[in-house]
N, C-alpha and C. Protein backbone atom coordinates (compact mmCIF):
# COMPACT_ATOMS: atom_id res chain seq x y z
N MET A 1 -13.41 -4.14 1.86
CA MET A 1 -13.49 -3.29 2.26
C MET A 1 -13.77 -2.24 2.12
N SER A 2 -14.10 -1.16 1.87
CA SER A 2 -13.54 0.29 1.42
C SER A 2 -13.09 1.04 2.42
N ARG A 3 -12.72 1.81 1.83
CA ARG A 3 -11.35 2.38 3.04
C ARG A 3 -12.98 3.86 4.34
N TYR A 4 -13.64 3.73 3.36
CA TYR A 4 -15.10 4.55 4.47
C TYR A 4 -15.03 3.68 5.00
N GLU A 5 -16.08 2.63 4.60
CA GLU A 5 -16.22 1.36 6.16
C GLU A 5 -14.97 1.14 6.85
N ALA A 6 -13.67 0.90 6.50
CA ALA A 6 -12.80 0.48 7.71
C ALA A 6 -12.74 2.11 8.69
N VAL A 7 -12.74 3.22 8.14
CA VAL A 7 -12.40 4.85 8.82
C VAL A 7 -13.71 4.57 9.70
N GLY A 8 -14.92 4.11 9.03
CA GLY A 8 -16.69 4.51 9.61
C GLY A 8 -17.06 3.13 11.03
N LEU A 9 -16.77 2.05 11.32
CA LEU A 9 -16.28 1.18 11.84
C LEU A 9 -15.22 1.10 13.39
N ALA A 10 -14.46 1.96 12.54
CA ALA A 10 -12.47 2.59 13.95
C ALA A 10 -13.02 3.55 14.45
N GLU A 11 -14.21 4.64 14.09
CA GLU A 11 -14.51 5.43 14.54
C GLU A 11 -15.73 4.67 15.18
N GLY A 12 -17.10 4.41 14.85
CA GLY A 12 -18.12 4.26 15.40
C GLY A 12 -19.17 4.63 14.54
N PHE A 13 -18.84 5.50 13.45
CA PHE A 13 -20.15 5.98 13.70
C PHE A 13 -20.81 4.98 12.01
N ILE A 14 -19.63 3.44 12.27
CA ILE A 14 -21.15 2.45 11.37
C ILE A 14 -20.53 0.98 12.52
N GLU A 15 -22.50 0.79 12.78
CA GLU A 15 -21.50 -0.32 13.83
C GLU A 15 -21.65 -1.66 12.71
N GLY A 16 -21.29 -2.36 13.78
CA GLY A 16 -20.08 -3.71 13.50
C GLY A 16 -20.81 -4.10 14.45
N THR A 17 -20.09 -6.04 13.81
CA THR A 17 -20.05 -6.83 15.19
C THR A 17 -18.81 -6.63 15.38
N SER A 18 -18.13 -7.18 16.93
CA SER A 18 -16.39 -7.45 17.07
C SER A 18 -15.72 -7.68 15.89
N GLU A 19 -15.80 -8.56 15.40
CA GLU A 19 -14.95 -8.94 14.49
C GLU A 19 -14.84 -8.55 13.51
N GLU A 20 -16.26 -7.57 13.21
CA GLU A 20 -15.78 -6.72 11.88
C GLU A 20 -15.02 -5.47 12.61
N VAL A 21 -15.40 -4.80 13.30
CA VAL A 21 -14.05 -3.82 13.66
C VAL A 21 -13.00 -4.21 14.08
N ILE A 22 -12.58 -4.95 13.98
CA ILE A 22 -11.46 -5.59 14.22
C ILE A 22 -10.66 -5.67 13.18
N ASN A 23 -11.40 -6.95 12.24
CA ASN A 23 -10.90 -6.32 10.56
C ASN A 23 -11.18 -5.08 10.22
N ALA A 24 -11.82 -4.52 10.29
CA ALA A 24 -10.99 -3.02 9.89
C ALA A 24 -10.36 -2.43 10.10
N TRP A 25 -9.53 -2.61 11.90
CA TRP A 25 -8.43 -2.28 11.91
C TRP A 25 -7.40 -3.31 11.49
N GLN A 26 -7.43 -4.30 11.16
CA GLN A 26 -6.28 -4.40 9.97
C GLN A 26 -6.82 -4.07 9.04
N TYR A 27 -7.35 -3.92 8.42
CA TYR A 27 -7.70 -2.82 7.01
C TYR A 27 -6.20 -1.93 6.90
N LEU A 28 -7.13 -1.39 7.63
CA LEU A 28 -6.32 0.05 8.21
C LEU A 28 -5.01 -0.14 8.06
N VAL A 29 -4.35 -0.89 9.11
CA VAL A 29 -2.89 -1.57 8.89
C VAL A 29 -2.17 -1.70 7.99
N ASN A 30 -3.50 -2.70 7.53
CA ASN A 30 -2.55 -3.81 6.36
C ASN A 30 -2.57 -2.45 5.33
N THR A 31 -3.31 -1.44 4.68
CA THR A 31 -2.70 -0.40 4.32
C THR A 31 -2.07 0.33 3.88
N GLY A 32 -1.94 0.89 5.87
CA GLY A 32 -1.47 2.08 6.51
C GLY A 32 -1.94 3.10 6.47
N LEU A 33 -3.27 2.82 6.03
CA LEU A 33 -4.00 4.18 6.46
C LEU A 33 -3.92 4.33 7.69
N ALA A 34 -4.28 3.09 8.39
CA ALA A 34 -3.45 4.07 10.54
C ALA A 34 -2.36 5.10 10.58
N TRP A 35 -1.71 4.58 9.58
CA TRP A 35 0.05 5.48 10.09
C TRP A 35 -0.42 6.98 9.46
N GLN A 36 -1.33 6.84 8.42
CA GLN A 36 -1.91 8.49 7.53
C GLN A 36 -2.70 9.28 8.34
N LEU A 37 -3.87 8.67 8.79
CA LEU A 37 -4.90 9.12 9.32
C LEU A 37 -4.33 9.91 10.49
N GLN A 38 -5.50 11.05 10.86
CA GLN A 38 -5.39 11.47 12.89
C GLN A 38 -4.84 11.08 12.89
N GLY A 39 -3.73 11.12 14.15
CA GLY A 39 -3.38 9.97 15.48
C GLY A 39 -4.19 9.48 16.51
N PHE A 40 -5.44 9.60 16.39
CA PHE A 40 -5.67 8.39 17.28
C PHE A 40 -5.82 7.06 16.44
N PHE A 41 -5.94 7.29 14.77
CA PHE A 41 -5.51 5.92 13.84
C PHE A 41 -4.52 5.35 14.65
N GLY A 42 -3.78 6.09 14.66
CA GLY A 42 -1.73 4.93 15.12
C GLY A 42 -2.06 5.21 15.93
N ARG A 43 -2.00 5.43 17.24
CA ARG A 43 -2.40 4.84 18.23
C ARG A 43 -2.70 3.62 18.86
N THR A 44 -4.25 4.06 18.23
CA THR A 44 -4.88 3.21 18.60
C THR A 44 -4.36 1.84 18.12
N ALA A 45 -4.63 1.82 16.86
CA ALA A 45 -3.87 0.90 15.99
C ALA A 45 -2.23 0.12 16.90
N LYS A 46 -1.73 1.40 17.22
CA LYS A 46 -0.13 0.65 17.55
C LYS A 46 -0.62 -0.52 19.22
N GLU A 47 -1.88 -0.25 19.79
CA GLU A 47 -2.05 -0.80 21.59
C GLU A 47 -3.50 -1.54 20.84
N LEU A 48 -3.60 -1.71 20.08
CA LEU A 48 -4.09 -3.30 19.15
C LEU A 48 -3.04 -4.00 18.85
N ILE A 49 -1.74 -3.43 18.25
CA ILE A 49 -0.73 -4.14 17.62
C ILE A 49 -0.53 -5.15 18.89
N GLU A 50 0.59 -3.96 20.19
CA GLU A 50 0.87 -4.51 21.31
C GLU A 50 -0.27 -5.45 21.80
N GLU A 51 -0.85 -5.06 22.05
CA GLU A 51 -2.15 -6.29 22.82
C GLU A 51 -2.43 -7.63 22.71
N GLY A 52 -1.99 -8.12 20.79
CA GLY A 52 -2.43 -9.11 19.81
C GLY A 52 -3.25 -9.37 19.36
N ILE A 53 -4.75 -8.29 19.32
CA ILE A 53 -5.60 -8.57 18.48
C ILE A 53 -5.91 -7.86 16.48
N ILE A 54 -4.59 -7.07 16.49
CA ILE A 54 -4.70 -7.59 15.20
C ILE A 54 -2.69 -7.09 15.11
N LYS A 55 -2.09 -8.09 13.48
CA LYS A 55 -0.54 -7.66 13.45
C LYS A 55 0.10 -6.80 12.29
N ILE A 56 0.61 -6.81 11.98
CA ILE A 56 1.77 -6.22 11.54
C ILE A 56 2.69 -6.74 10.67
N LYS A 57 3.14 -6.36 8.85
CA LYS A 57 3.97 -7.42 7.96
C LYS A 57 4.99 -6.37 7.89
N CYS A 58 5.88 -5.91 7.66
CA CYS A 58 7.17 -5.53 8.14
C CYS A 58 7.01 -5.87 6.35
N PRO A 59 7.40 -4.01 5.77
CA PRO A 59 7.79 -4.32 4.16
C PRO A 59 9.05 -5.06 3.68
N THR A 60 9.71 -4.44 4.84
CA THR A 60 11.63 -4.63 4.65
C THR A 60 11.32 -6.17 4.95
N CYS A 61 11.62 -6.37 6.18
CA CYS A 61 11.65 -7.98 6.74
C CYS A 61 10.91 -9.19 6.67
N GLU A 62 9.67 -8.50 5.92
CA GLU A 62 8.61 -9.64 5.88
C GLU A 62 8.32 -10.50 6.55
N GLU A 63 8.14 -9.61 7.74
CA GLU A 63 7.86 -10.90 9.37
C GLU A 63 6.73 -10.50 9.59
N ILE A 64 5.60 -10.81 10.00
CA ILE A 64 4.21 -10.61 10.52
C ILE A 64 4.53 -11.03 11.49
N ARG A 65 4.28 -10.27 12.13
CA ARG A 65 4.31 -9.87 13.85
C ARG A 65 3.24 -9.27 14.35
N TYR A 66 3.84 -9.15 15.95
CA TYR A 66 2.71 -8.54 16.70
C TYR A 66 3.46 -7.50 17.16
N ILE A 67 4.77 -7.50 16.97
CA ILE A 67 5.76 -6.24 17.27
C ILE A 67 7.38 -6.69 17.53
N LYS A 68 7.87 -5.69 16.93
CA LYS A 68 9.12 -5.37 16.97
C LYS A 68 10.43 -6.12 16.02
N ASN A 69 10.69 -7.04 15.14
CA ASN A 69 12.41 -7.13 14.67
C ASN A 69 13.37 -6.88 15.03
N GLU A 70 13.91 -7.16 16.60
CA GLU A 70 15.28 -6.47 16.52
C GLU A 70 16.07 -5.86 15.47
N GLY A 71 16.66 -7.01 14.40
CA GLY A 71 17.38 -6.97 13.22
C GLY A 71 16.70 -6.55 11.75
N CYS A 72 15.98 -5.58 12.15
CA CYS A 72 15.60 -5.28 10.99
C CYS A 72 14.86 -3.78 11.66
N THR A 73 15.10 -3.29 10.32
CA THR A 73 16.20 -1.39 10.66
C THR A 73 14.85 -0.91 10.06
N ASP A 74 13.83 -1.17 9.40
CA ASP A 74 12.51 -0.43 9.23
C ASP A 74 11.42 0.10 10.37
N THR A 75 11.28 1.02 9.96
CA THR A 75 11.10 2.10 11.00
C THR A 75 9.74 0.92 11.65
N ILE A 76 8.62 0.41 11.06
CA ILE A 76 7.61 -0.31 11.46
C ILE A 76 8.37 -1.19 13.04
N CYS A 77 9.51 -2.07 12.41
CA CYS A 77 9.78 -3.11 13.00
C CYS A 77 10.52 -2.21 14.10
N THR A 78 10.61 -1.26 14.23
CA THR A 78 11.81 -0.53 15.20
C THR A 78 11.07 0.10 16.69
N GLU A 79 10.24 0.07 16.37
CA GLU A 79 8.89 1.25 16.46
C GLU A 79 7.99 0.36 17.63
N PHE A 80 8.28 -1.73 17.44
CA PHE A 80 8.30 -2.66 17.99
C PHE A 80 8.70 -3.36 18.48
N GLU A 81 8.24 -4.84 19.64
CA GLU A 81 9.41 -5.27 19.81
C GLU A 81 8.83 -6.84 19.76
N ILE A 82 9.62 -7.80 19.39
CA ILE A 82 9.06 -9.18 18.63
C ILE A 82 8.69 -10.02 19.78
N ILE A 83 7.73 -10.57 18.50
CA ILE A 83 7.05 -11.53 18.62
C ILE A 83 5.95 -12.68 17.97
N LYS A 84 7.15 -13.52 17.33
CA LYS A 84 6.90 -13.54 15.17
C LYS A 84 6.01 -15.38 15.66
N GLU A 85 5.22 -14.87 14.77
CA GLU A 85 4.11 -15.56 14.64
C GLU A 85 4.21 -16.92 14.78
N GLU A 86 3.55 -17.74 15.49
CA GLU A 86 4.60 -18.90 15.03
C GLU A 86 3.62 -20.15 14.19
N GLU A 87 4.36 -20.43 14.00
CA GLU A 87 4.06 -21.52 12.24
C GLU A 87 2.78 -22.37 12.33
N ASP A 88 1.92 -23.25 11.23
CA ASP A 88 1.25 -24.54 11.62
C ASP A 88 1.74 -24.87 10.94
N ASP A 89 2.01 -25.68 11.52
CA ASP A 89 2.98 -27.61 11.45
C ASP A 89 1.88 -28.74 9.96
């Protein structure tokens, strides 16, 4: 997926399935674009993370989570509450 496609799907000027739109938002978070673009992107990404629709990986503590790790001081972790992803057995 390109940046253009991700932004287009997220904003709605490119039509896509629900799965494609969610993947676009995940791409925007994974690449950091969600935090660099207009405020709408960051706010929406944060809501999607809090709702458990997409995930975020902290660059400092390397945990993939829906929300904050209390033991980490990275901005990403301090902005979200912790819910660790369950490990596959």
